[in-house]
């Protein structure tokens, strides 16, 4: 008979990809999960969750880790959607575009304070993406290390296009989470400067529908589909586009809710639009 060693422990961990729009968060996930890349940029509406199973060895122990990767929209002002996405997260990759210095500043001024406020000081990995587009790599590496050291985080330069360091950054956040000793979860509301009213209306409509439809994970794919069909630009939503989206969402709700409830929900969301600037 052969001796059988202990089975690796199976764990499921929720991680976030945070950063401004167009820094390459969705492309990094696509490269990691299906090993493909596209130059086409499509803004993430709300959140999108992707699963990837990996095997890790941490402190001499083997783990099968199911990474639940939450791709959170990068448009500032959608505080309710973003804060709801943050709850229960156990680690985050903070992504910035090496060709746009302002996206690194956004991590420090907007995204990191948000995640720490909502989820506590969870492990972070700093990711400078689009390294294939820069020269003077060493100076970028030094800047990245200086920034990440302030948060006791690892830093990497990556390229979703070439695949450089993509596997490594996801494996690193998995290891950081497994090594993390913090066990308590902090849930607090996020206080932010008031966003433009039309964006705030869009934010509230998204969350209202998701709350009525069984939560963020169940409702967000439907919101995403209907917003795209309605032609809603989440960076600059219009009243006309939001009205179309609200009507489309009402049609979806008609399949599971009574007419009175659907009408009430629709009127409540339309009132948000009418009150927006």
Protein backbone atom coordinates (compact mmCIF):
# COMPACT_ATOMS: atom_id res chain seq x y z
CA UNK A 1 0.00 0.00 0.00
CA UNK A 2 1.06 3.52 -0.72
CA UNK A 3 0.74 6.22 1.91
CA UNK A 4 -1.67 8.96 0.95
CA UNK A 5 -0.74 12.47 2.07
CA UNK A 6 -3.20 15.04 3.32
CA UNK A 7 -5.50 16.55 0.73
CA UNK A 8 -4.89 20.22 -0.09
CA UNK A 9 -7.30 22.55 1.67
CA UNK A 10 -9.98 24.09 -0.57
CA UNK A 11 -10.75 27.75 0.00
CA UNK A 12 -12.73 30.42 -1.85
CA UNK A 13 -11.52 34.03 -1.77
CA UNK A 14 -13.05 37.24 -3.06
CA UNK A 15 -10.62 39.67 -4.66
CA UNK A 16 -11.21 43.06 -6.27
CA UNK A 17 -9.61 44.77 -9.25
CA UNK A 18 -9.81 48.50 -8.63
CA UNK A 19 -8.65 51.55 -10.54
CA UNK A 20 -9.79 54.16 -13.01
CA UNK A 21 -11.49 53.30 -16.27
CA UNK A 22 -9.35 52.03 -19.16
CA UNK A 23 -6.35 51.06 -17.01
CA UNK A 24 -6.73 47.46 -18.21
CA UNK A 25 -8.48 45.66 -15.34
CA UNK A 26 -10.80 43.65 -17.58
CA UNK A 27 -7.94 42.84 -19.95
CA UNK A 28 -5.82 41.51 -17.06
CA UNK A 29 -8.65 39.21 -15.99
CA UNK A 30 -9.20 38.01 -19.53
CA UNK A 31 -5.48 37.29 -19.96
CA UNK A 32 -5.34 35.42 -16.65
CA UNK A 33 -8.51 33.38 -17.10
CA UNK A 34 -8.60 32.57 -20.82
CA UNK A 35 -5.12 33.74 -21.94
CA UNK A 36 -6.48 36.15 -24.55
CA UNK A 37 -6.16 39.86 -25.17
CA UNK A 38 -8.20 42.42 -27.08
CA UNK A 39 -7.42 46.07 -27.84
CA UNK A 40 -11.13 46.92 -27.79
CA UNK A 41 -12.09 48.89 -24.70
CA UNK A 42 -15.55 48.33 -23.28
CA UNK A 43 -16.34 50.03 -19.97
CA UNK A 44 -17.33 47.66 -17.19
CA UNK A 45 -20.87 48.44 -16.11
CA UNK A 46 -21.38 47.84 -12.39
CA UNK A 47 -19.39 44.74 -11.55
CA UNK A 48 -18.49 41.52 -13.28
CA UNK A 49 -17.42 38.40 -11.39
CA UNK A 50 -15.07 35.81 -12.90
CA UNK A 51 -13.87 32.59 -11.26
CA UNK A 52 -10.43 31.03 -11.57
CA UNK A 53 -9.13 28.00 -9.64
CA UNK A 54 -5.44 27.85 -8.81
CA UNK A 55 -3.16 25.78 -6.57
CA UNK A 56 -0.90 27.57 -4.10
CA UNK A 57 1.66 26.54 -1.52
CA UNK A 58 1.78 28.83 1.51
CA UNK A 59 3.90 28.21 4.60
CA UNK A 60 4.52 24.63 3.43
CA UNK A 61 0.81 23.82 3.02
CA UNK A 62 -1.00 23.19 -0.27
CA UNK A 63 -4.24 24.98 -1.08
CA UNK A 64 -6.76 24.77 -3.89
CA UNK A 65 -7.96 28.36 -4.15
CA UNK A 66 -11.06 29.49 -5.99
CA UNK A 67 -10.47 33.15 -6.78
CA UNK A 68 -13.71 35.07 -7.21
CA UNK A 69 -12.42 38.06 -9.16
CA UNK A 70 -14.62 41.16 -9.00
CA UNK A 71 -14.05 43.63 -11.82
CA UNK A 72 -15.50 46.88 -10.44
CA UNK A 73 -16.43 49.79 -12.71
CA UNK A 74 -13.77 52.47 -12.72
CA UNK A 75 -16.00 55.51 -13.08
CA UNK A 76 -15.86 57.71 -10.00
CA UNK A 77 -19.15 58.71 -8.43
CA UNK A 78 -20.85 55.29 -8.36
CA UNK A 79 -20.19 55.04 -4.65
CA UNK A 80 -23.15 52.80 -3.76
CA UNK A 81 -22.29 50.18 -6.39
CA UNK A 82 -18.63 50.29 -5.49
CA UNK A 83 -19.14 50.13 -1.72
CA UNK A 84 -21.55 47.21 -2.11
CA UNK A 85 -18.97 45.38 -4.25
CA UNK A 86 -16.26 45.89 -1.63
CA UNK A 87 -18.07 44.13 1.21
CA UNK A 88 -16.64 40.73 2.03
CA UNK A 89 -13.55 41.22 -0.11
CA UNK A 90 -10.35 39.70 1.20
CA UNK A 91 -7.77 41.28 -1.08
CA UNK A 92 -7.48 43.82 -3.87
CA UNK A 93 -5.30 44.52 -6.87
CA UNK A 94 -4.90 48.27 -7.36
CA UNK A 95 -4.35 48.82 -11.08
CA UNK A 96 -3.03 51.95 -12.77
CA UNK A 97 -1.95 52.81 -16.30
CA UNK A 98 1.79 53.51 -16.59
CA UNK A 99 1.13 55.88 -19.48
CA UNK A 100 -1.31 58.00 -17.43
CA UNK A 101 0.23 59.24 -14.14
CA UNK A 102 -3.14 60.57 -12.96
CA UNK A 103 -4.40 56.99 -12.61
CA UNK A 104 -1.74 56.31 -9.97
CA UNK A 105 -2.79 59.45 -8.13
CA UNK A 106 -6.39 58.19 -8.23
CA UNK A 107 -5.37 55.04 -6.36
CA UNK A 108 -4.00 57.12 -3.51
CA UNK A 109 -6.75 59.72 -3.39
CA UNK A 110 -9.86 57.71 -4.28
CA UNK A 111 -9.62 53.92 -4.52
CA UNK A 112 -7.40 52.98 -1.58
CA UNK A 113 -9.30 55.18 0.93
CA UNK A 114 -12.56 53.70 -0.38
CA UNK A 115 -11.50 50.07 0.02
CA UNK A 116 -9.95 50.63 3.44
CA UNK A 117 -13.11 52.41 4.60
CA UNK A 118 -15.43 49.63 3.38
CA UNK A 119 -13.41 46.46 3.93
CA UNK A 120 -10.66 47.40 6.36
CA UNK A 121 -6.95 47.12 5.62
CA UNK A 122 -7.06 44.02 3.44
CA UNK A 123 -3.95 42.89 1.52
CA UNK A 124 -3.17 44.93 -1.60
CA UNK A 125 -1.03 44.34 -4.67
CA UNK A 126 -0.10 47.40 -6.74
CA UNK A 127 -0.11 46.82 -10.50
CA UNK A 128 1.34 49.25 -13.04
CA UNK A 129 -0.23 47.99 -16.26
CA UNK A 130 0.71 48.56 -19.94
CA UNK A 131 4.44 48.15 -19.36
CA UNK A 132 4.75 47.26 -23.04
CA UNK A 133 4.07 50.93 -23.87
CA UNK A 134 6.82 52.59 -21.81
CA UNK A 135 10.54 53.27 -21.96
CA UNK A 136 12.90 53.80 -19.00
CA UNK A 137 11.43 50.81 -17.18
CA UNK A 138 13.75 51.08 -14.19
CA UNK A 139 12.47 54.51 -13.17
CA UNK A 140 8.87 53.22 -13.29
CA UNK A 141 9.83 50.24 -11.13
CA UNK A 142 11.42 52.56 -8.57
CA UNK A 143 8.34 54.80 -8.47
CA UNK A 144 6.07 51.76 -8.11
CA UNK A 145 8.10 50.37 -5.22
CA UNK A 146 8.14 53.72 -3.41
CA UNK A 147 4.36 53.97 -3.73
CA UNK A 148 3.64 50.38 -2.68
CA UNK A 149 6.04 50.50 0.29
CA UNK A 150 3.84 53.16 1.86
CA UNK A 151 1.07 50.53 2.04
CA UNK A 152 3.31 47.55 2.83
CA UNK A 153 2.24 46.03 -0.48
CA UNK A 154 3.92 44.18 -3.33
CA UNK A 155 4.25 46.01 -6.65
CA UNK A 156 4.53 44.75 -10.22
CA UNK A 157 4.66 46.14 -13.71
CA UNK A 158 2.45 44.11 -16.01
CA UNK A 159 1.11 43.86 -19.54
CA UNK A 160 -2.24 42.32 -20.34
CA UNK A 161 -1.16 42.44 -23.98
CA UNK A 162 2.04 40.39 -23.65
CA UNK A 163 1.01 38.53 -20.50
CA UNK A 164 4.03 39.75 -18.53
CA UNK A 165 3.55 39.20 -14.79
CA UNK A 166 -0.19 38.61 -15.16
CA UNK A 167 -0.15 35.10 -13.68
CA UNK A 168 2.24 36.30 -10.99
CA UNK A 169 0.07 39.16 -9.73
CA UNK A 170 -3.01 36.99 -9.31
CA UNK A 171 -1.04 34.27 -7.56
CA UNK A 172 0.57 36.88 -5.32
CA UNK A 173 -2.74 38.33 -4.14
CA UNK A 174 -3.89 34.78 -3.41
CA UNK A 175 -0.81 34.15 -1.28
CA UNK A 176 -1.14 37.49 0.47
CA UNK A 177 -4.70 36.64 1.46
CA UNK A 178 -3.81 33.17 2.72
CA UNK A 179 -0.96 34.59 4.79
CA UNK A 180 -3.09 37.39 6.17
CA UNK A 181 -3.80 36.98 9.87
CA UNK A 182 -6.67 39.48 9.99
CA UNK A 183 -9.99 37.71 10.53
CA UNK A 184 -12.49 40.43 11.32
CA UNK A 185 -14.48 42.03 8.53
CA UNK A 186 -15.29 45.71 8.73
CA UNK A 187 -18.38 47.08 7.03
CA UNK A 188 -18.80 50.83 7.06
CA UNK A 189 -20.52 53.29 4.83
CA UNK A 190 -18.37 55.29 2.44
CA UNK A 191 -18.54 59.04 2.78
CA UNK A 192 -17.52 60.88 -0.37
CA UNK A 193 -17.96 64.19 -2.08
CA UNK A 194 -21.33 64.29 -3.82
CA UNK A 195 -20.95 63.15 -7.44
CA UNK A 196 -22.78 64.83 -10.30
CA UNK A 197 -26.52 64.37 -9.80
CA UNK A 198 -27.13 62.38 -13.00
CA UNK A 199 -24.38 59.93 -12.06
CA UNK A 200 -25.83 59.65 -8.56
CA UNK A 201 -29.23 58.88 -10.07
CA UNK A 202 -27.69 56.17 -12.24
CA UNK A 203 -25.88 54.75 -9.22
CA UNK A 204 -29.10 54.59 -7.20
CA UNK A 205 -31.05 53.00 -10.07
CA UNK A 206 -28.46 50.23 -10.41
CA UNK A 207 -28.48 49.46 -6.70
CA UNK A 208 -32.27 49.70 -6.44
CA UNK A 209 -32.75 47.12 -9.19
CA UNK A 210 -30.10 44.77 -7.77
CA UNK A 211 -31.60 44.97 -4.29
CA UNK A 212 -35.03 44.14 -5.74
CA UNK A 213 -33.63 41.32 -7.89
CA UNK A 214 -31.80 39.26 -5.27
CA UNK A 215 -28.56 41.13 -4.75
CA UNK A 216 -25.57 42.43 -6.64
CA UNK A 217 -24.41 39.17 -8.21
CA UNK A 218 -27.88 38.24 -9.46
CA UNK A 219 -28.96 41.67 -10.62
CA UNK A 220 -25.79 43.18 -12.07
CA UNK A 221 -25.59 41.01 -15.24
CA UNK A 222 -29.14 42.09 -16.08
CA UNK A 223 -28.35 45.75 -15.41
CA UNK A 224 -25.27 45.48 -17.62
CA UNK A 225 -27.23 43.96 -20.50
CA UNK A 226 -30.07 46.48 -20.35
CA UNK A 227 -27.77 49.50 -19.96
CA UNK A 228 -25.84 48.42 -23.05
CA UNK A 229 -29.07 47.95 -25.02
CA UNK A 230 -30.28 51.37 -23.87
CA UNK A 231 -27.02 52.99 -24.93
CA UNK A 232 -26.17 54.28 -21.46
CA UNK A 233 -22.64 55.65 -21.14
CA UNK A 234 -21.79 55.21 -17.47
CA UNK A 235 -19.17 57.96 -17.67
CA UNK A 236 -21.70 60.46 -18.92
CA UNK A 237 -25.22 59.07 -18.60
CA UNK A 238 -28.08 61.03 -20.10
CA UNK A 239 -31.64 61.27 -18.86
CA UNK A 240 -32.91 59.84 -22.14
CA UNK A 241 -30.63 56.80 -21.92
CA UNK A 242 -31.49 56.17 -18.28
CA UNK A 243 -35.21 56.38 -19.02
CA UNK A 244 -34.79 53.73 -21.73
CA UNK A 245 -32.81 51.56 -19.31
CA UNK A 246 -35.43 51.92 -16.56
CA UNK A 247 -38.17 50.86 -18.95
CA UNK A 248 -36.13 47.85 -20.07
CA UNK A 249 -35.45 46.85 -16.47
CA UNK A 250 -39.19 47.09 -15.78
CA UNK A 251 -39.83 44.65 -18.63
CA UNK A 252 -37.41 42.20 -17.05
CA UNK A 253 -39.08 42.59 -13.65
CA UNK A 254 -42.48 41.83 -15.19
CA UNK A 255 -41.35 38.21 -15.58
CA UNK A 256 -41.06 37.70 -11.82
CA UNK A 257 -43.03 40.45 -10.05
CA UNK A 258 -46.63 41.62 -10.04
CA UNK A 259 -47.68 44.61 -12.12
CA UNK A 260 -48.19 46.89 -9.13
CA UNK A 261 -44.69 46.26 -7.76
CA UNK A 262 -43.08 46.74 -11.17
CA UNK A 263 -44.95 50.01 -11.70
CA UNK A 264 -43.93 51.27 -8.27
CA UNK A 265 -40.28 50.36 -8.88
CA UNK A 266 -40.31 51.98 -12.34
CA UNK A 267 -41.89 55.20 -11.05
CA UNK A 268 -39.38 55.42 -8.19
CA UNK A 269 -36.46 55.13 -10.62
CA UNK A 270 -37.96 57.60 -13.09
CA UNK A 271 -38.37 60.08 -10.23
CA UNK A 272 -34.62 59.85 -9.59
CA UNK A 273 -33.98 60.75 -13.22
CA UNK A 274 -36.43 63.65 -13.23
CA UNK A 275 -34.75 65.12 -10.16
CA UNK A 276 -31.27 64.93 -11.66
CA UNK A 277 -29.51 67.96 -13.12
